[in-house]
Amino acid sequence: MNLCPKRWSRRKEARPREILEAALELFAEKGYAATRIDEIAKLAGVTRGTPYLYFAGKEDIFKALINELLLPALDEAEAMLDGFAGSASERLRRVVHVWWQGMGETRLSALPKLMIAEAGNFPEVVQLYNDQFIVRGQVIFRREIEAGIASGEFTPIDVDYALHVLVAPVIMAMLWRYMPQGCGFDKLDPIRYLDTLLDLMLRGLLQRPESLSEASDHA
């Protein structure tokens, strides 16, 4: 007896996600324009017409990637951060590593490359990505940096630009995953890279003894 379920016997509820995951993989590999619906269906293990049961077309699939794959991952990352007790430095480290675990180590790491490549063709999708992901992520990072400044653990800095200084290398690490082999990027250990980034960032953020002395003199 064959106990392996046939592909069409899988739960229908799982199919939209499988289609989206297949689309994301192909978009990242081939680009949006070069990817065909029938290729998405084949990679997802469904019939050619199945994607149209759930999505109006390829652009609708593109938009659904944000709402159905990215936002739940961000919700999960935020939930992992809630209730985490520790110093501002420890919390900031946790934010970066949780972010990488939920985004950088998954197929979602393809989204920055996809957004850069398709920004001119799909401004509405890029705006959705910015509003629902970039801005929301910046709020998380801003909260931790400002809390560290308020507690006196971090030195006062330009938080608006500190966000970009911190987030940009993380995004770059996601882009590296899709660089051609042999360019040197494939030899980098992403966790070691992120830890080095955090070491450099925190050395600049932490209050120095002389800074604390000057602050007390002015009190």
C-alpha atoms as a PDB file:
ATOM      1  CA  MET A   1       0.000   0.000   0.000  1.00  0.00           C
ATOM      2  CA  ASN A   2       1.305   3.451  -0.902  1.00  0.00           C
ATOM      3  CA  LEU A   3       0.991   5.600   2.213  1.00  0.00           C
ATOM      4  CA  CYS A   4       2.412   8.722   0.563  1.00  0.00           C
ATOM      5  CA  PRO A   5      -0.393  11.178  -0.182  1.00  0.00           C
ATOM      6  CA  LYS A   6      -0.700  12.270  -3.794  1.00  0.00           C
ATOM      7  CA  ARG A   7       0.001  15.931  -4.437  1.00  0.00           C
ATOM      8  CA  TRP A   8      -3.668  16.709  -5.089  1.00  0.00           C
ATOM      9  CA  SER A   9      -4.707  15.105  -1.803  1.00  0.00           C
ATOM     10  CA  ARG A  10      -2.911  17.727   0.262  1.00  0.00           C
ATOM     11  CA  ARG A  11      -5.036  20.169   2.219  1.00  0.00           C
ATOM     12  CA  LYS A  12      -6.265  23.007   0.017  1.00  0.00           C
ATOM     13  CA  GLU A  13      -5.436  25.470   2.787  1.00  0.00           C
ATOM     14  CA  ALA A  14      -1.725  24.789   2.256  1.00  0.00           C
ATOM     15  CA  ARG A  15      -1.696  25.406  -1.477  1.00  0.00           C
ATOM     16  CA  PRO A  16      -1.685  29.227  -1.549  1.00  0.00           C
ATOM     17  CA  ARG A  17       1.379  29.329   0.682  1.00  0.00           C
ATOM     18  CA  GLU A  18       3.128  26.680  -1.412  1.00  0.00           C
ATOM     19  CA  ILE A  19       2.414  28.743  -4.519  1.00  0.00           C
ATOM     20  CA  LEU A  20       3.747  31.902  -2.879  1.00  0.00           C
ATOM     21  CA  GLU A  21       6.914  30.174  -1.692  1.00  0.00           C
ATOM     22  CA  ALA A  22       7.512  28.786  -5.176  1.00  0.00           C
ATOM     23  CA  ALA A  23       6.918  32.212  -6.707  1.00  0.00           C
ATOM     24  CA  LEU A  24       9.343  33.865  -4.307  1.00  0.00           C
ATOM     25  CA  GLU A  25      12.039  31.330  -5.147  1.00  0.00           C
ATOM     26  CA  LEU A  26      11.575  31.819  -8.886  1.00  0.00           C
ATOM     27  CA  PHE A  27      11.308  35.603  -8.669  1.00  0.00           C
ATOM     28  CA  ALA A  28      14.597  35.693  -6.788  1.00  0.00           C
ATOM     29  CA  GLU A  29      16.298  33.330  -9.225  1.00  0.00           C
ATOM     30  CA  LYS A  30      14.941  34.569 -12.566  1.00  0.00           C
ATOM     31  CA  GLY A  31      13.358  37.932 -11.858  1.00  0.00           C
ATOM     32  CA  TYR A  32       9.673  38.811 -11.934  1.00  0.00           C
ATOM     33  CA  ALA A  33       9.324  39.407 -15.678  1.00  0.00           C
ATOM     34  CA  ALA A  34      11.008  36.150 -16.692  1.00  0.00           C
ATOM     35  CA  THR A  35       8.933  33.971 -14.353  1.00  0.00           C
ATOM     36  CA  ARG A  36       5.813  32.340 -15.791  1.00  0.00           C
ATOM     37  CA  ILE A  37       2.749  31.213 -13.879  1.00  0.00           C
ATOM     38  CA  ASP A  38       3.111  27.653 -15.174  1.00  0.00           C
ATOM     39  CA  GLU A  39       6.675  27.542 -13.775  1.00  0.00           C
ATOM     40  CA  ILE A  40       5.355  28.633 -10.388  1.00  0.00           C
ATOM     41  CA  ALA A  41       2.705  25.918 -10.526  1.00  0.00           C
ATOM     42  CA  LYS A  42       5.259  23.262 -11.459  1.00  0.00           C
ATOM     43  CA  LEU A  43       7.612  24.183  -8.636  1.00  0.00           C
ATOM     44  CA  ALA A  44       4.703  24.281  -6.177  1.00  0.00           C
ATOM     45  CA  GLY A  45       3.608  20.814  -7.305  1.00  0.00           C
ATOM     46  CA  VAL A  46       0.160  21.874  -8.499  1.00  0.00           C
ATOM     47  CA  THR A  47      -1.577  21.893 -11.871  1.00  0.00           C
ATOM     48  CA  ARG A  48      -1.056  24.814 -14.246  1.00  0.00           C
ATOM     49  CA  GLY A  49      -4.430  26.364 -13.520  1.00  0.00           C
ATOM     50  CA  THR A  50      -4.325  26.044  -9.735  1.00  0.00           C
ATOM     51  CA  PRO A  51      -2.598  29.415  -9.035  1.00  0.00           C
ATOM     52  CA  TYR A  52      -5.547  31.168 -10.708  1.00  0.00           C
ATOM     53  CA  LEU A  53      -7.912  29.659  -8.151  1.00  0.00           C
ATOM     54  CA  TYR A  54      -6.227  31.776  -5.477  1.00  0.00           C
ATOM     55  CA  PHE A  55      -4.628  34.711  -7.299  1.00  0.00           C
ATOM     56  CA  ALA A  56      -5.764  36.934 -10.159  1.00  0.00           C
ATOM     57  CA  GLY A  57      -2.343  36.796 -11.777  1.00  0.00           C
ATOM     58  CA  LYS A  58       1.357  37.215 -11.270  1.00  0.00           C
ATOM     59  CA  GLU A  59       1.113  40.755  -9.878  1.00  0.00           C
ATOM     60  CA  ASP A  60      -1.454  39.579  -7.347  1.00  0.00           C
ATOM     61  CA  ILE A  61       1.007  36.848  -6.290  1.00  0.00           C
ATOM     62  CA  PHE A  62       3.704  39.500  -5.945  1.00  0.00           C
ATOM     63  CA  LYS A  63       1.521  41.562  -3.602  1.00  0.00           C
ATOM     64  CA  ALA A  64       0.482  38.486  -1.626  1.00  0.00           C
ATOM     65  CA  LEU A  65       4.132  37.709  -0.898  1.00  0.00           C
ATOM     66  CA  ILE A  66       4.184  40.764   1.358  1.00  0.00           C
ATOM     67  CA  ASN A  67       0.894  40.179   3.122  1.00  0.00           C
ATOM     68  CA  GLU A  68       0.919  36.391   3.418  1.00  0.00           C
ATOM     69  CA  LEU A  69       4.603  35.538   3.921  1.00  0.00           C
ATOM     70  CA  LEU A  70       6.451  38.608   5.139  1.00  0.00           C
ATOM     71  CA  LEU A  71       4.055  40.152   7.648  1.00  0.00           C
ATOM     72  CA  PRO A  72       3.400  36.923   9.607  1.00  0.00           C
ATOM     73  CA  ALA A  73       7.176  36.436   9.868  1.00  0.00           C
ATOM     74  CA  LEU A  74       7.498  39.956  11.248  1.00  0.00           C
ATOM     75  CA  ASP A  75       4.685  39.285  13.731  1.00  0.00           C
ATOM     76  CA  GLU A  76       6.543  36.193  14.892  1.00  0.00           C
ATOM     77  CA  ALA A  77       9.799  38.120  15.274  1.00  0.00           C
ATOM     78  CA  GLU A  78       8.073  40.768  17.386  1.00  0.00           C
ATOM     79  CA  ALA A  79       6.513  38.074  19.564  1.00  0.00           C
ATOM     80  CA  MET A  80       9.977  36.593  20.184  1.00  0.00           C
ATOM     81  CA  LEU A  81      11.163  39.986  21.420  1.00  0.00           C
ATOM     82  CA  ASP A  82       8.254  40.642  23.753  1.00  0.00           C
ATOM     83  CA  GLY A  83       9.110  40.020  27.359  1.00  0.00           C
ATOM     84  CA  PHE A  84      12.828  39.620  26.747  1.00  0.00           C
ATOM     85  CA  ALA A  85      14.589  41.126  29.761  1.00  0.00           C
ATOM     86  CA  GLY A  86      18.144  42.366  29.532  1.00  0.00           C
ATOM     87  CA  SER A  87      20.337  45.376  29.039  1.00  0.00           C
ATOM     88  CA  ALA A  88      19.880  47.632  26.036  1.00  0.00           C
ATOM     89  CA  SER A  89      22.925  46.015  24.421  1.00  0.00           C
ATOM     90  CA  GLU A  90      21.520  42.531  24.928  1.00  0.00           C
ATOM     91  CA  ARG A  91      18.151  43.546  23.551  1.00  0.00           C
ATOM     92  CA  LEU A  92      19.682  45.155  20.482  1.00  0.00           C
ATOM     93  CA  ARG A  93      21.705  42.010  19.818  1.00  0.00           C
ATOM     94  CA  ARG A  94      18.572  39.922  20.160  1.00  0.00           C
ATOM     95  CA  VAL A  95      16.670  42.161  17.736  1.00  0.00           C
ATOM     96  CA  VAL A  96      19.321  41.712  15.043  1.00  0.00           C
ATOM     97  CA  HIS A  97      19.596  37.953  15.524  1.00  0.00           C
ATOM     98  CA  VAL A  98      15.832  37.406  15.647  1.00  0.00           C
ATOM     99  CA  TRP A  99      15.495  39.539  12.530  1.00  0.00           C
ATOM    100  CA  TRP A 100      18.093  37.422  10.759  1.00  0.00           C
ATOM    101  CA  GLN A 101      16.573  34.161  11.970  1.00  0.00           C
ATOM    102  CA  GLY A 102      13.116  35.122  10.711  1.00  0.00           C
ATOM    103  CA  MET A 103      14.124  36.881   7.497  1.00  0.00           C
ATOM    104  CA  GLY A 104      17.758  36.369   6.536  1.00  0.00           C
ATOM    105  CA  GLU A 105      17.887  32.598   6.959  1.00  0.00           C
ATOM    106  CA  THR A 106      14.642  32.001   5.068  1.00  0.00           C
ATOM    107  CA  ARG A 107      13.426  32.512   1.522  1.00  0.00           C
ATOM    108  CA  LEU A 108      12.236  35.946   2.632  1.00  0.00           C
ATOM    109  CA  SER A 109      15.848  37.064   2.278  1.00  0.00           C
ATOM    110  CA  ALA A 110      15.111  37.276  -1.457  1.00  0.00           C
ATOM    111  CA  LEU A 111      12.718  40.193  -0.996  1.00  0.00           C
ATOM    112  CA  PRO A 112      15.301  43.026  -0.833  1.00  0.00           C
ATOM    113  CA  LYS A 113      16.815  41.868  -4.130  1.00  0.00           C
ATOM    114  CA  LEU A 114      13.364  41.532  -5.643  1.00  0.00           C
ATOM    115  CA  MET A 115      12.283  44.986  -4.494  1.00  0.00           C
ATOM    116  CA  ILE A 116      15.438  46.630  -5.829  1.00  0.00           C
ATOM    117  CA  ALA A 117      15.019  44.916  -9.192  1.00  0.00           C
ATOM    118  CA  GLU A 118      11.304  45.658  -9.580  1.00  0.00           C
ATOM    119  CA  ALA A 119      11.008  49.050  -7.860  1.00  0.00           C
ATOM    120  CA  GLY A 120      10.407  50.917 -11.095  1.00  0.00           C
ATOM    121  CA  ASN A 121       7.839  48.452 -12.414  1.00  0.00           C
ATOM    122  CA  PHE A 122       5.706  47.998  -9.312  1.00  0.00           C
ATOM    123  CA  PRO A 123       5.797  51.168  -7.200  1.00  0.00           C
ATOM    124  CA  GLU A 124       2.639  50.151  -5.329  1.00  0.00           C
ATOM    125  CA  VAL A 125       4.189  46.867  -4.220  1.00  0.00           C
ATOM    126  CA  VAL A 126       7.409  48.576  -3.211  1.00  0.00           C
ATOM    127  CA  GLN A 127       5.423  51.161  -1.241  1.00  0.00           C
ATOM    128  CA  LEU A 128       3.564  48.338   0.508  1.00  0.00           C
ATOM    129  CA  TYR A 129       6.899  46.673   1.327  1.00  0.00           C
ATOM    130  CA  ASN A 130       8.231  49.944   2.711  1.00  0.00           C
ATOM    131  CA  ASP A 131       5.161  50.773   4.786  1.00  0.00           C
ATOM    132  CA  GLN A 132       4.492  47.304   6.164  1.00  0.00           C
ATOM    133  CA  PHE A 133       8.046  46.038   6.600  1.00  0.00           C
ATOM    134  CA  ILE A 134      10.782  48.673   6.427  1.00  0.00           C
ATOM    135  CA  VAL A 135       8.980  51.283   8.521  1.00  0.00           C
ATOM    136  CA  ARG A 136       7.744  48.707  11.003  1.00  0.00           C
ATOM    137  CA  GLY A 137      11.229  47.240  11.356  1.00  0.00           C
ATOM    138  CA  GLN A 138      12.708  50.686  11.909  1.00  0.00           C
ATOM    139  CA  VAL A 139      10.236  51.245  14.741  1.00  0.00           C
ATOM    140  CA  ILE A 140      11.577  48.129  16.484  1.00  0.00           C
ATOM    141  CA  PHE A 141      15.219  49.183  16.132  1.00  0.00           C
ATOM    142  CA  ARG A 142      14.427  52.786  17.100  1.00  0.00           C
ATOM    143  CA  ARG A 143      12.655  51.645  20.250  1.00  0.00           C
ATOM    144  CA  GLU A 144      15.679  49.701  21.468  1.00  0.00           C
ATOM    145  CA  ILE A 145      18.202  52.442  20.692  1.00  0.00           C
ATOM    146  CA  GLU A 146      16.094  55.163  22.302  1.00  0.00           C
ATOM    147  CA  ALA A 147      15.478  52.989  25.372  1.00  0.00           C
ATOM    148  CA  GLY A 148      19.245  52.536  25.734  1.00  0.00           C
ATOM    149  CA  ILE A 149      19.789  56.281  25.493  1.00  0.00           C
ATOM    150  CA  ALA A 150      17.015  56.971  28.011  1.00  0.00           C
ATOM    151  CA  SER A 151      18.513  54.497  30.504  1.00  0.00           C
ATOM    152  CA  GLY A 152      21.953  56.042  30.171  1.00  0.00           C
ATOM    153  CA  GLU A 153      23.503  52.870  28.751  1.00  0.00           C
ATOM    154  CA  PHE A 154      23.861  54.355  25.251  1.00  0.00           C
ATOM    155  CA  THR A 155      25.365  57.705  24.448  1.00  0.00           C
ATOM    156  CA  PRO A 156      22.990  60.208  22.778  1.00  0.00           C
ATOM    157  CA  ILE A 157      23.311  59.957  18.994  1.00  0.00           C
ATOM    158  CA  ASP A 158      21.415  60.829  15.838  1.00  0.00           C
ATOM    159  CA  VAL A 159      18.901  57.985  16.035  1.00  0.00           C
ATOM    160  CA  ASP A 160      17.425  58.669  12.589  1.00  0.00           C
ATOM    161  CA  TYR A 161      20.734  57.947  10.891  1.00  0.00           C
ATOM    162  CA  ALA A 162      21.817  55.283  13.367  1.00  0.00           C
ATOM    163  CA  LEU A 163      18.876  53.213  12.121  1.00  0.00           C
ATOM    164  CA  HIS A 164      20.241  53.276   8.582  1.00  0.00           C
ATOM    165  CA  VAL A 165      23.797  52.564   9.743  1.00  0.00           C
ATOM    166  CA  LEU A 166      22.584  49.483  11.615  1.00  0.00           C
ATOM    167  CA  VAL A 167      19.974  48.139   9.194  1.00  0.00           C
ATOM    168  CA  ALA A 168      21.837  48.645   5.906  1.00  0.00           C
ATOM    169  CA  PRO A 169      24.528  45.991   6.633  1.00  0.00           C
ATOM    170  CA  VAL A 170      21.804  43.533   7.649  1.00  0.00           C
ATOM    171  CA  ILE A 171      20.028  44.083   4.334  1.00  0.00           C
ATOM    172  CA  MET A 172      23.373  43.708   2.569  1.00  0.00           C
ATOM    173  CA  ALA A 173      23.854  40.330   4.230  1.00  0.00           C
ATOM    174  CA  MET A 174      20.487  39.262   2.793  1.00  0.00           C
ATOM    175  CA  LEU A 175      21.554  40.390  -0.671  1.00  0.00           C
ATOM    176  CA  TRP A 176      24.820  38.459  -0.368  1.00  0.00           C
ATOM    177  CA  ARG A 177      22.863  35.218  -0.282  1.00  0.00           C
ATOM    178  CA  TYR A 178      22.015  35.790  -3.950  1.00  0.00           C
ATOM    179  CA  MET A 179      25.405  36.960  -5.178  1.00  0.00           C
ATOM    180  CA  PRO A 180      27.202  34.696  -7.692  1.00  0.00           C
ATOM    181  CA  GLN A 181      29.659  32.306  -6.140  1.00  0.00           C
ATOM    182  CA  GLY A 182      33.275  33.284  -6.494  1.00  0.00           C
ATOM    183  CA  CYS A 183      32.702  36.952  -5.672  1.00  0.00           C
ATOM    184  CA  GLY A 184      33.990  36.437  -2.139  1.00  0.00           C
ATOM    185  CA  PHE A 185      30.620  37.003  -0.489  1.00  0.00           C
ATOM    186  CA  ASP A 186      29.815  33.285  -0.331  1.00  0.00           C
ATOM    187  CA  LYS A 187      32.766  32.748   2.024  1.00  0.00           C
ATOM    188  CA  LEU A 188      31.317  35.001   4.724  1.00  0.00           C
ATOM    189  CA  ASP A 189      29.667  33.518   7.805  1.00  0.00           C
ATOM    190  CA  PRO A 190      26.502  35.635   8.256  1.00  0.00           C
ATOM    191  CA  ILE A 191      26.318  35.142  12.042  1.00  0.00           C
ATOM    192  CA  ARG A 192      29.961  36.084  12.490  1.00  0.00           C
ATOM    193  CA  TYR A 193      29.362  39.065  10.219  1.00  0.00           C
ATOM    194  CA  LEU A 194      26.355  40.221  12.263  1.00  0.00           C
ATOM    195  CA  ASP A 195      28.197  39.770  15.556  1.00  0.00           C
ATOM    196  CA  THR A 196      31.063  41.905  14.227  1.00  0.00           C
ATOM    197  CA  LEU A 197      28.571  44.534  13.116  1.00  0.00           C
ATOM    198  CA  LEU A 198      27.027  44.567  16.586  1.00  0.00           C
ATOM    199  CA  ASP A 199      30.416  44.759  18.287  1.00  0.00           C
ATOM    200  CA  LEU A 200      31.319  47.813  16.206  1.00  0.00           C
ATOM    201  CA  MET A 201      27.912  49.421  16.689  1.00  0.00           C
ATOM    202  CA  LEU A 202      27.785  48.856  20.430  1.00  0.00           C
ATOM    203  CA  ARG A 203      31.319  50.118  20.987  1.00  0.00           C
ATOM    204  CA  GLY A 204      30.125  53.373  19.493  1.00  0.00           C
ATOM    205  CA  LEU A 205      26.823  53.404  21.377  1.00  0.00           C
ATOM    206  CA  LEU A 206      27.960  52.525  24.881  1.00  0.00           C
ATOM    207  CA  GLN A 207      28.601  55.363  27.281  1.00  0.00           C
ATOM    208  CA  ARG A 208      32.288  55.784  28.044  1.00  0.00           C
ATOM    209  CA  PRO A 209      33.469  56.504  31.593  1.00  0.00           C
ATOM    210  CA  GLU A 210      34.607  59.990  30.563  1.00  0.00           C
ATOM    211  CA  SER A 211      31.198  60.664  29.056  1.00  0.00           C
ATOM    212  CA  LEU A 212      29.486  59.651  32.273  1.00  0.00           C
ATOM    213  CA  SER A 213      31.866  61.899  34.242  1.00  0.00           C
ATOM    214  CA  GLU A 214      31.128  64.861  31.986  1.00  0.00           C
ATOM    215  CA  ALA A 215      27.404  64.237  32.306  1.00  0.00           C
ATOM    216  CA  SER A 216      27.633  64.262  36.121  1.00  0.00           C
ATOM    217  CA  ASP A 217      29.688  67.500  36.033  1.00  0.00           C
ATOM    218  CA  HIS A 218      26.946  69.206  34.083  1.00  0.00           C
ATOM    219  CA  ALA A 219      24.186  67.857  36.300  1.00  0.00           C
END
